[in-house]
Amino acid sequence: MPQIIELPERPYVGVRGTITMTTFGVVGDRIAGIIGWLAERGHHPADAPFFRYEEIDMAGDRLVVQAGVPVAVPVEGEGDLFAAVLPAGRYVTESHHGHPDQLFGVIESVLTWVEEQGLTLDATEKDGTEHWGCRLELYKTNPLEEPDLNNWDIDLQFRLS
């Protein structure tokens, strides 16, 4: 069952891309490079890498997504890597153990739960596109240690308004 948690601001370094459901790797494949870039500068991830969904247009198969790596202290970006902060606030969170392809059902159940609880998400809809203040998928499993996607742990965090 989803839970509501309070989270502080969290600095990160990320990259943004406009993708489709089949071109997710354009953004996702950048995470290892961001971690390496940080390591070269003496920084290490402060938490799990994540995808941050900014815009979702399922009918048009268009998503604006960031791949990000949290850091303990703000780090200046370089090139297409940028420094940003996940906003503080109340988040609905749910954990998933299994293949990322199974997230759709988990997300649907979280959204249904939010509606049943009478909560409001930090999101708006315009012309068929969802615009999210902060919607995250945090990938808790290191793929180098566990290559079987069926054994991955993923946390969802959706900011409430």
N, C-alpha and C. Protein backbone atom coordinates (compact mmCIF):
# COMPACT_ATOMS: atom_id res chain seq x y z
N MET A 1 0.84 -1.18 0.00
CA MET A 1 0.00 0.00 0.00
C MET A 1 0.89 1.25 0.00
N PRO A 2 0.52 2.24 -0.79
CA PRO A 2 1.32 3.47 -0.82
C PRO A 2 1.38 4.14 0.55
N GLN A 3 2.43 4.92 0.73
CA GLN A 3 2.61 5.70 1.95
C GLN A 3 2.89 7.14 1.56
N ILE A 4 2.65 8.05 2.50
CA ILE A 4 2.99 9.46 2.29
C ILE A 4 4.19 9.77 3.17
N ILE A 5 5.23 10.30 2.55
CA ILE A 5 6.44 10.65 3.29
C ILE A 5 6.82 12.10 2.99
N GLU A 6 7.52 12.71 3.92
CA GLU A 6 8.03 14.08 3.76
C GLU A 6 9.49 13.97 3.34
N LEU A 7 9.85 14.64 2.27
CA LEU A 7 11.23 14.60 1.78
C LEU A 7 11.80 16.00 1.69
N PRO A 8 13.09 16.16 2.00
CA PRO A 8 13.75 17.46 1.86
C PRO A 8 14.14 17.69 0.40
N GLU A 9 14.63 18.89 0.12
CA GLU A 9 15.23 19.12 -1.20
C GLU A 9 16.39 18.16 -1.38
N ARG A 10 16.58 17.68 -2.60
CA ARG A 10 17.66 16.74 -2.89
C ARG A 10 18.39 17.19 -4.15
N PRO A 11 19.67 17.62 -4.01
CA PRO A 11 20.41 18.03 -5.20
C PRO A 11 20.76 16.83 -6.08
N TYR A 12 20.87 17.08 -7.37
CA TYR A 12 21.25 16.01 -8.29
C TYR A 12 21.88 16.59 -9.54
N VAL A 13 22.49 15.70 -10.30
CA VAL A 13 22.99 16.03 -11.63
C VAL A 13 22.19 15.17 -12.61
N GLY A 14 21.74 15.78 -13.69
CA GLY A 14 20.89 15.04 -14.61
C GLY A 14 21.08 15.44 -16.05
N VAL A 15 20.38 14.71 -16.89
CA VAL A 15 20.31 14.98 -18.32
C VAL A 15 18.85 14.82 -18.73
N ARG A 16 18.41 15.60 -19.70
CA ARG A 16 17.01 15.60 -20.12
C ARG A 16 16.92 15.16 -21.58
N GLY A 17 15.84 14.46 -21.87
CA GLY A 17 15.60 14.07 -23.26
C GLY A 17 14.13 13.97 -23.55
N THR A 18 13.77 14.19 -24.81
CA THR A 18 12.42 13.96 -25.29
C THR A 18 12.46 12.63 -26.02
N ILE A 19 11.67 11.67 -25.53
CA ILE A 19 11.78 10.29 -26.00
C ILE A 19 10.39 9.71 -26.26
N THR A 20 10.40 8.46 -26.72
CA THR A 20 9.19 7.65 -26.83
C THR A 20 9.38 6.45 -25.91
N MET A 21 8.34 5.65 -25.75
CA MET A 21 8.47 4.47 -24.89
C MET A 21 9.53 3.50 -25.42
N THR A 22 9.77 3.51 -26.73
CA THR A 22 10.75 2.58 -27.29
C THR A 22 12.16 3.17 -27.38
N THR A 23 12.31 4.46 -27.10
CA THR A 23 13.64 5.07 -27.15
C THR A 23 14.11 5.51 -25.77
N PHE A 24 13.62 4.85 -24.73
CA PHE A 24 13.95 5.20 -23.36
C PHE A 24 15.45 5.17 -23.10
N GLY A 25 16.16 4.30 -23.79
CA GLY A 25 17.60 4.17 -23.60
C GLY A 25 18.37 5.45 -23.89
N VAL A 26 17.82 6.31 -24.73
CA VAL A 26 18.48 7.58 -25.04
C VAL A 26 18.79 8.34 -23.76
N VAL A 27 17.88 8.26 -22.79
CA VAL A 27 18.07 8.92 -21.50
C VAL A 27 18.64 7.93 -20.49
N GLY A 28 18.02 6.76 -20.40
CA GLY A 28 18.40 5.78 -19.39
C GLY A 28 19.84 5.32 -19.47
N ASP A 29 20.35 5.20 -20.67
CA ASP A 29 21.73 4.72 -20.84
C ASP A 29 22.77 5.75 -20.40
N ARG A 30 22.32 6.94 -20.04
CA ARG A 30 23.24 7.99 -19.61
C ARG A 30 23.61 7.89 -18.13
N ILE A 31 22.85 7.11 -17.34
CA ILE A 31 23.06 7.08 -15.89
C ILE A 31 24.48 6.65 -15.53
N ALA A 32 24.96 5.58 -16.14
CA ALA A 32 26.31 5.11 -15.81
C ALA A 32 27.35 6.19 -16.11
N GLY A 33 27.16 6.91 -17.21
CA GLY A 33 28.08 7.98 -17.56
C GLY A 33 28.05 9.13 -16.56
N ILE A 34 26.86 9.44 -16.05
CA ILE A 34 26.75 10.50 -15.03
C ILE A 34 27.48 10.08 -13.77
N ILE A 35 27.30 8.82 -13.36
CA ILE A 35 27.98 8.32 -12.16
C ILE A 35 29.49 8.39 -12.36
N GLY A 36 29.97 8.00 -13.54
CA GLY A 36 31.41 8.08 -13.83
C GLY A 36 31.91 9.50 -13.84
N TRP A 37 31.14 10.41 -14.42
CA TRP A 37 31.50 11.83 -14.47
C TRP A 37 31.62 12.39 -13.05
N LEU A 38 30.66 12.02 -12.19
CA LEU A 38 30.72 12.46 -10.79
C LEU A 38 31.95 11.90 -10.10
N ALA A 39 32.24 10.62 -10.31
CA ALA A 39 33.39 9.98 -9.66
C ALA A 39 34.69 10.66 -10.05
N GLU A 40 34.80 11.07 -11.31
CA GLU A 40 36.00 11.78 -11.77
C GLU A 40 36.20 13.09 -11.02
N ARG A 41 35.13 13.62 -10.47
CA ARG A 41 35.18 14.90 -9.75
C ARG A 41 35.11 14.69 -8.23
N GLY A 42 35.25 13.44 -7.79
CA GLY A 42 35.28 13.15 -6.36
C GLY A 42 33.92 13.08 -5.69
N HIS A 43 32.86 12.88 -6.46
CA HIS A 43 31.51 12.80 -5.91
C HIS A 43 30.94 11.41 -6.15
N HIS A 44 30.08 10.99 -5.24
CA HIS A 44 29.45 9.68 -5.36
C HIS A 44 27.94 9.86 -5.22
N PRO A 45 27.15 8.95 -5.78
CA PRO A 45 25.69 9.06 -5.63
C PRO A 45 25.29 9.08 -4.16
N ALA A 46 24.37 9.98 -3.82
CA ALA A 46 23.86 10.08 -2.46
C ALA A 46 22.65 9.17 -2.26
N ASP A 47 22.09 8.68 -3.35
CA ASP A 47 20.93 7.80 -3.31
C ASP A 47 20.83 7.13 -4.68
N ALA A 48 19.74 6.44 -4.90
CA ALA A 48 19.56 5.70 -6.14
C ALA A 48 19.36 6.63 -7.34
N PRO A 49 19.91 6.24 -8.50
CA PRO A 49 19.62 6.98 -9.73
C PRO A 49 18.12 6.93 -10.01
N PHE A 50 17.64 7.90 -10.77
CA PHE A 50 16.20 7.97 -11.00
C PHE A 50 15.87 8.49 -12.38
N PHE A 51 14.62 8.26 -12.75
CA PHE A 51 14.01 8.94 -13.89
C PHE A 51 12.99 9.91 -13.31
N ARG A 52 13.04 11.14 -13.81
CA ARG A 52 12.07 12.17 -13.42
C ARG A 52 11.24 12.51 -14.65
N TYR A 53 9.95 12.24 -14.55
CA TYR A 53 9.05 12.49 -15.67
C TYR A 53 8.53 13.92 -15.58
N GLU A 54 8.78 14.71 -16.62
CA GLU A 54 8.30 16.09 -16.66
C GLU A 54 7.00 16.19 -17.46
N GLU A 55 6.98 15.54 -18.62
CA GLU A 55 5.79 15.57 -19.48
C GLU A 55 5.52 14.16 -19.99
N ILE A 56 4.24 13.78 -19.96
CA ILE A 56 3.84 12.48 -20.47
C ILE A 56 2.64 12.67 -21.39
N ASP A 57 2.82 12.28 -22.65
CA ASP A 57 1.75 12.29 -23.64
C ASP A 57 1.67 10.87 -24.18
N MET A 58 0.88 10.03 -23.53
CA MET A 58 0.82 8.62 -23.93
C MET A 58 0.21 8.46 -25.32
N ALA A 59 -0.81 9.25 -25.64
CA ALA A 59 -1.46 9.13 -26.95
C ALA A 59 -0.47 9.47 -28.07
N GLY A 60 0.36 10.47 -27.83
CA GLY A 60 1.33 10.88 -28.83
C GLY A 60 2.67 10.19 -28.69
N ASP A 61 2.78 9.27 -27.72
CA ASP A 61 4.02 8.53 -27.44
C ASP A 61 5.21 9.49 -27.35
N ARG A 62 5.05 10.52 -26.48
CA ARG A 62 6.10 11.52 -26.28
C ARG A 62 6.25 11.76 -24.79
N LEU A 63 7.49 11.65 -24.33
CA LEU A 63 7.79 11.88 -22.93
C LEU A 63 8.99 12.81 -22.84
N VAL A 64 8.96 13.71 -21.86
CA VAL A 64 10.13 14.50 -21.52
C VAL A 64 10.59 13.95 -20.17
N VAL A 65 11.78 13.34 -20.18
CA VAL A 65 12.26 12.61 -19.01
C VAL A 65 13.69 13.03 -18.70
N GLN A 66 13.99 13.08 -17.42
CA GLN A 66 15.36 13.29 -16.97
C GLN A 66 15.89 11.98 -16.39
N ALA A 67 17.16 11.73 -16.59
CA ALA A 67 17.88 10.70 -15.84
C ALA A 67 18.74 11.47 -14.87
N GLY A 68 18.64 11.14 -13.58
CA GLY A 68 19.36 11.90 -12.58
C GLY A 68 20.06 11.04 -11.56
N VAL A 69 21.10 11.61 -10.96
CA VAL A 69 21.85 10.95 -9.89
C VAL A 69 21.94 11.93 -8.73
N PRO A 70 21.34 11.57 -7.58
CA PRO A 70 21.41 12.45 -6.40
C PRO A 70 22.85 12.58 -5.89
N VAL A 71 23.16 13.77 -5.39
CA VAL A 71 24.49 14.04 -4.83
C VAL A 71 24.32 14.65 -3.43
N ALA A 72 25.34 14.51 -2.60
CA ALA A 72 25.27 15.01 -1.22
C ALA A 72 25.28 16.53 -1.18
N VAL A 73 26.05 17.14 -2.07
CA VAL A 73 26.13 18.60 -2.15
C VAL A 73 25.98 18.99 -3.62
N PRO A 74 25.46 20.18 -3.89
CA PRO A 74 25.29 20.59 -5.29
C PRO A 74 26.61 20.52 -6.07
N VAL A 75 26.50 20.05 -7.30
CA VAL A 75 27.64 19.93 -8.21
C VAL A 75 27.28 20.67 -9.49
N GLU A 76 28.18 21.49 -9.98
CA GLU A 76 27.93 22.25 -11.20
C GLU A 76 27.93 21.31 -12.41
N GLY A 77 26.98 21.49 -13.30
CA GLY A 77 26.89 20.67 -14.50
C GLY A 77 27.92 21.05 -15.54
N GLU A 78 27.90 20.30 -16.64
CA GLU A 78 28.85 20.54 -17.73
C GLU A 78 28.26 19.94 -19.00
N GLY A 79 28.36 20.66 -20.11
CA GLY A 79 27.77 20.17 -21.35
C GLY A 79 26.27 20.05 -21.20
N ASP A 80 25.72 18.87 -21.55
CA ASP A 80 24.27 18.69 -21.40
C ASP A 80 23.89 18.16 -20.02
N LEU A 81 24.89 17.99 -19.14
CA LEU A 81 24.60 17.62 -17.76
C LEU A 81 24.29 18.89 -16.98
N PHE A 82 23.22 18.87 -16.21
CA PHE A 82 22.85 20.05 -15.45
C PHE A 82 22.68 19.71 -13.98
N ALA A 83 22.84 20.72 -13.14
CA ALA A 83 22.61 20.58 -11.70
C ALA A 83 21.20 21.09 -11.42
N ALA A 84 20.49 20.37 -10.55
CA ALA A 84 19.15 20.77 -10.18
C ALA A 84 18.84 20.22 -8.79
N VAL A 85 17.62 20.50 -8.33
CA VAL A 85 17.21 20.05 -7.00
C VAL A 85 15.80 19.47 -7.12
N LEU A 86 15.62 18.28 -6.56
CA LEU A 86 14.27 17.73 -6.43
C LEU A 86 13.58 18.52 -5.32
N PRO A 87 12.35 18.97 -5.54
CA PRO A 87 11.71 19.83 -4.55
C PRO A 87 11.33 19.08 -3.28
N ALA A 88 11.42 19.79 -2.17
CA ALA A 88 10.95 19.26 -0.89
C ALA A 88 9.43 19.13 -0.94
N GLY A 89 8.91 18.30 -0.08
CA GLY A 89 7.46 18.21 0.01
C GLY A 89 6.99 16.85 0.44
N ARG A 90 5.67 16.69 0.37
CA ARG A 90 5.04 15.42 0.69
C ARG A 90 4.93 14.60 -0.59
N TYR A 91 5.36 13.35 -0.49
CA TYR A 91 5.35 12.46 -1.65
C TYR A 91 4.59 11.18 -1.32
N VAL A 92 3.82 10.72 -2.29
CA VAL A 92 3.25 9.38 -2.22
C VAL A 92 4.32 8.45 -2.74
N THR A 93 4.61 7.38 -1.99
CA THR A 93 5.66 6.47 -2.39
C THR A 93 5.16 5.03 -2.35
N GLU A 94 5.70 4.24 -3.26
CA GLU A 94 5.39 2.82 -3.32
C GLU A 94 6.62 2.09 -3.83
N SER A 95 6.86 0.90 -3.31
CA SER A 95 8.01 0.10 -3.74
C SER A 95 7.54 -1.03 -4.63
N HIS A 96 8.40 -1.38 -5.58
CA HIS A 96 8.11 -2.47 -6.52
C HIS A 96 9.34 -3.37 -6.60
N HIS A 97 9.12 -4.67 -6.50
CA HIS A 97 10.19 -5.64 -6.72
C HIS A 97 9.81 -6.42 -7.98
N GLY A 98 10.65 -6.30 -9.00
CA GLY A 98 10.37 -7.01 -10.25
C GLY A 98 10.81 -6.20 -11.45
N HIS A 99 10.46 -6.70 -12.60
CA HIS A 99 10.86 -6.09 -13.88
C HIS A 99 10.24 -4.69 -14.03
N PRO A 100 11.03 -3.73 -14.55
CA PRO A 100 10.49 -2.38 -14.77
C PRO A 100 9.25 -2.38 -15.68
N ASP A 101 9.14 -3.37 -16.57
CA ASP A 101 7.97 -3.44 -17.44
C ASP A 101 6.67 -3.63 -16.66
N GLN A 102 6.77 -4.07 -15.41
CA GLN A 102 5.59 -4.29 -14.57
C GLN A 102 5.16 -3.02 -13.83
N LEU A 103 5.88 -1.93 -14.02
CA LEU A 103 5.57 -0.70 -13.28
C LEU A 103 4.22 -0.09 -13.65
N PHE A 104 3.78 -0.31 -14.88
CA PHE A 104 2.54 0.33 -15.32
C PHE A 104 1.39 0.01 -14.36
N GLY A 105 1.24 -1.26 -13.99
CA GLY A 105 0.18 -1.65 -13.07
C GLY A 105 0.36 -1.06 -11.69
N VAL A 106 1.61 -0.97 -11.22
CA VAL A 106 1.89 -0.39 -9.91
C VAL A 106 1.53 1.09 -9.92
N ILE A 107 1.92 1.78 -10.99
CA ILE A 107 1.61 3.21 -11.12
C ILE A 107 0.09 3.42 -11.13
N GLU A 108 -0.62 2.60 -11.88
CA GLU A 108 -2.09 2.73 -11.93
C GLU A 108 -2.70 2.56 -10.55
N SER A 109 -2.20 1.58 -9.77
CA SER A 109 -2.76 1.36 -8.44
C SER A 109 -2.44 2.54 -7.51
N VAL A 110 -1.25 3.14 -7.65
CA VAL A 110 -0.91 4.32 -6.84
C VAL A 110 -1.82 5.49 -7.20
N LEU A 111 -2.03 5.72 -8.49
CA LEU A 111 -2.88 6.83 -8.91
C LEU A 111 -4.32 6.62 -8.44
N THR A 112 -4.80 5.38 -8.47
CA THR A 112 -6.14 5.08 -7.96
C THR A 112 -6.21 5.35 -6.47
N TRP A 113 -5.19 4.93 -5.73
CA TRP A 113 -5.14 5.13 -4.27
C TRP A 113 -5.15 6.63 -3.94
N VAL A 114 -4.36 7.41 -4.68
CA VAL A 114 -4.32 8.86 -4.47
C VAL A 114 -5.71 9.46 -4.63
N GLU A 115 -6.40 9.04 -5.68
CA GLU A 115 -7.75 9.55 -5.95
C GLU A 115 -8.71 9.14 -4.83
N GLU A 116 -8.63 7.87 -4.41
CA GLU A 116 -9.51 7.38 -3.34
C GLU A 116 -9.27 8.12 -2.03
N GLN A 117 -8.04 8.55 -1.79
CA GLN A 117 -7.71 9.26 -0.55
C GLN A 117 -8.07 10.75 -0.63
N GLY A 118 -8.48 11.21 -1.80
CA GLY A 118 -8.82 12.61 -1.97
C GLY A 118 -7.60 13.52 -2.02
N LEU A 119 -6.46 12.96 -2.40
CA LEU A 119 -5.22 13.74 -2.46
C LEU A 119 -5.06 14.36 -3.84
N THR A 120 -4.23 15.39 -3.91
CA THR A 120 -3.97 16.06 -5.18
C THR A 120 -2.48 15.98 -5.50
N LEU A 121 -2.17 15.48 -6.68
CA LEU A 121 -0.78 15.38 -7.12
C LEU A 121 -0.28 16.70 -7.68
N ASP A 122 1.02 16.89 -7.64
CA ASP A 122 1.68 18.07 -8.21
C ASP A 122 1.79 17.85 -9.72
N ALA A 123 0.62 17.91 -10.38
CA ALA A 123 0.57 17.64 -11.82
C ALA A 123 -0.63 18.36 -12.42
N THR A 124 -0.49 18.72 -13.68
CA THR A 124 -1.59 19.32 -14.43
C THR A 124 -1.67 18.62 -15.77
N GLU A 125 -2.81 18.76 -16.43
CA GLU A 125 -2.99 18.17 -17.75
C GLU A 125 -3.43 19.27 -18.70
N LYS A 126 -2.77 19.32 -19.86
CA LYS A 126 -3.14 20.31 -20.87
C LYS A 126 -2.98 19.69 -22.25
N ASP A 127 -4.03 19.74 -23.04
CA ASP A 127 -4.02 19.23 -24.41
C ASP A 127 -3.52 17.79 -24.47
N GLY A 128 -3.93 16.96 -23.51
CA GLY A 128 -3.57 15.54 -23.53
C GLY A 128 -2.20 15.23 -22.97
N THR A 129 -1.47 16.24 -22.50
CA THR A 129 -0.14 16.02 -21.94
C THR A 129 -0.16 16.29 -20.44
N GLU A 130 0.37 15.32 -19.68
CA GLU A 130 0.50 15.49 -18.24
C GLU A 130 1.81 16.25 -17.97
N HIS A 131 1.75 17.25 -17.13
CA HIS A 131 2.92 18.02 -16.72
C HIS A 131 3.11 17.79 -15.21
N TRP A 132 4.25 17.22 -14.85
CA TRP A 132 4.49 16.80 -13.47
C TRP A 132 5.49 17.72 -12.78
N GLY A 133 5.17 18.10 -11.53
CA GLY A 133 6.11 18.87 -10.72
C GLY A 133 7.27 17.99 -10.30
N CYS A 134 6.97 16.78 -9.82
CA CYS A 134 8.03 15.84 -9.47
C CYS A 134 7.45 14.43 -9.38
N ARG A 135 7.72 13.65 -10.41
CA ARG A 135 7.31 12.24 -10.49
C ARG A 135 8.57 11.43 -10.76
N LEU A 136 8.89 10.53 -9.84
CA LEU A 136 10.17 9.82 -9.89
C LEU A 136 10.00 8.31 -9.88
N GLU A 137 10.95 7.65 -10.56
CA GLU A 137 11.21 6.22 -10.42
C GLU A 137 12.66 6.11 -9.98
N LEU A 138 12.89 5.60 -8.76
CA LEU A 138 14.26 5.44 -8.25
C LEU A 138 14.67 3.98 -8.38
N TYR A 139 15.79 3.76 -9.04
CA TYR A 139 16.28 2.40 -9.31
C TYR A 139 17.28 2.02 -8.24
N LYS A 140 16.80 1.25 -7.25
CA LYS A 140 17.58 0.91 -6.06
C LYS A 140 18.60 -0.21 -6.32
N THR A 141 18.41 -0.97 -7.38
CA THR A 141 19.27 -2.11 -7.67
C THR A 141 20.37 -1.72 -8.64
N ASN A 142 21.61 -2.08 -8.32
CA ASN A 142 22.73 -1.84 -9.21
C ASN A 142 22.72 -2.94 -10.28
N PRO A 143 22.54 -2.59 -11.56
CA PRO A 143 22.47 -3.61 -12.60
C PRO A 143 23.77 -4.40 -12.77
N LEU A 144 24.90 -3.85 -12.30
CA LEU A 144 26.16 -4.59 -12.38
C LEU A 144 26.17 -5.72 -11.34
N GLU A 145 25.46 -5.52 -10.23
CA GLU A 145 25.39 -6.55 -9.19
C GLU A 145 24.23 -7.52 -9.42
N GLU A 146 23.15 -7.04 -10.04
CA GLU A 146 21.97 -7.87 -10.30
C GLU A 146 21.46 -7.59 -11.71
N PRO A 147 21.98 -8.34 -12.71
CA PRO A 147 21.58 -8.08 -14.09
C PRO A 147 20.16 -8.56 -14.43
N ASP A 148 19.57 -9.41 -13.61
CA ASP A 148 18.23 -9.93 -13.87
C ASP A 148 17.19 -8.88 -13.47
N LEU A 149 16.57 -8.26 -14.46
CA LEU A 149 15.60 -7.20 -14.22
C LEU A 149 14.43 -7.66 -13.35
N ASN A 150 14.15 -8.95 -13.32
CA ASN A 150 13.05 -9.48 -12.51
C ASN A 150 13.35 -9.39 -11.02
N ASN A 151 14.61 -9.12 -10.66
CA ASN A 151 15.00 -9.01 -9.25
C ASN A 151 15.31 -7.57 -8.83
N TRP A 152 14.91 -6.61 -9.63
CA TRP A 152 15.20 -5.22 -9.32
C TRP A 152 14.20 -4.65 -8.30
N ASP A 153 14.67 -3.67 -7.52
CA ASP A 153 13.84 -2.91 -6.59
C ASP A 153 13.75 -1.48 -7.09
N ILE A 154 12.50 -1.01 -7.23
CA ILE A 154 12.25 0.32 -7.76
C ILE A 154 11.26 1.02 -6.84
N ASP A 155 11.57 2.26 -6.46
CA ASP A 155 10.65 3.06 -5.66
C ASP A 155 10.01 4.12 -6.54
N LEU A 156 8.73 4.31 -6.37
CA LEU A 156 8.00 5.40 -7.03
C LEU A 156 7.79 6.50 -6.01
N GLN A 157 7.97 7.74 -6.43
CA GLN A 157 7.71 8.90 -5.59
C GLN A 157 6.98 9.96 -6.43
N PHE A 158 5.74 10.27 -6.04
CA PHE A 158 4.94 11.28 -6.72
C PHE A 158 4.66 12.40 -5.72
N ARG A 159 5.09 13.61 -6.05
CA ARG A 159 4.91 14.75 -5.14
C ARG A 159 3.44 15.18 -5.10
N LEU A 160 2.97 15.46 -3.90
CA LEU A 160 1.63 15.99 -3.71
C LEU A 160 1.66 17.51 -3.78
N SER A 161 0.55 18.11 -4.21
CA SER A 161 0.51 19.57 -4.28
C SER A 161 0.05 20.16 -2.97
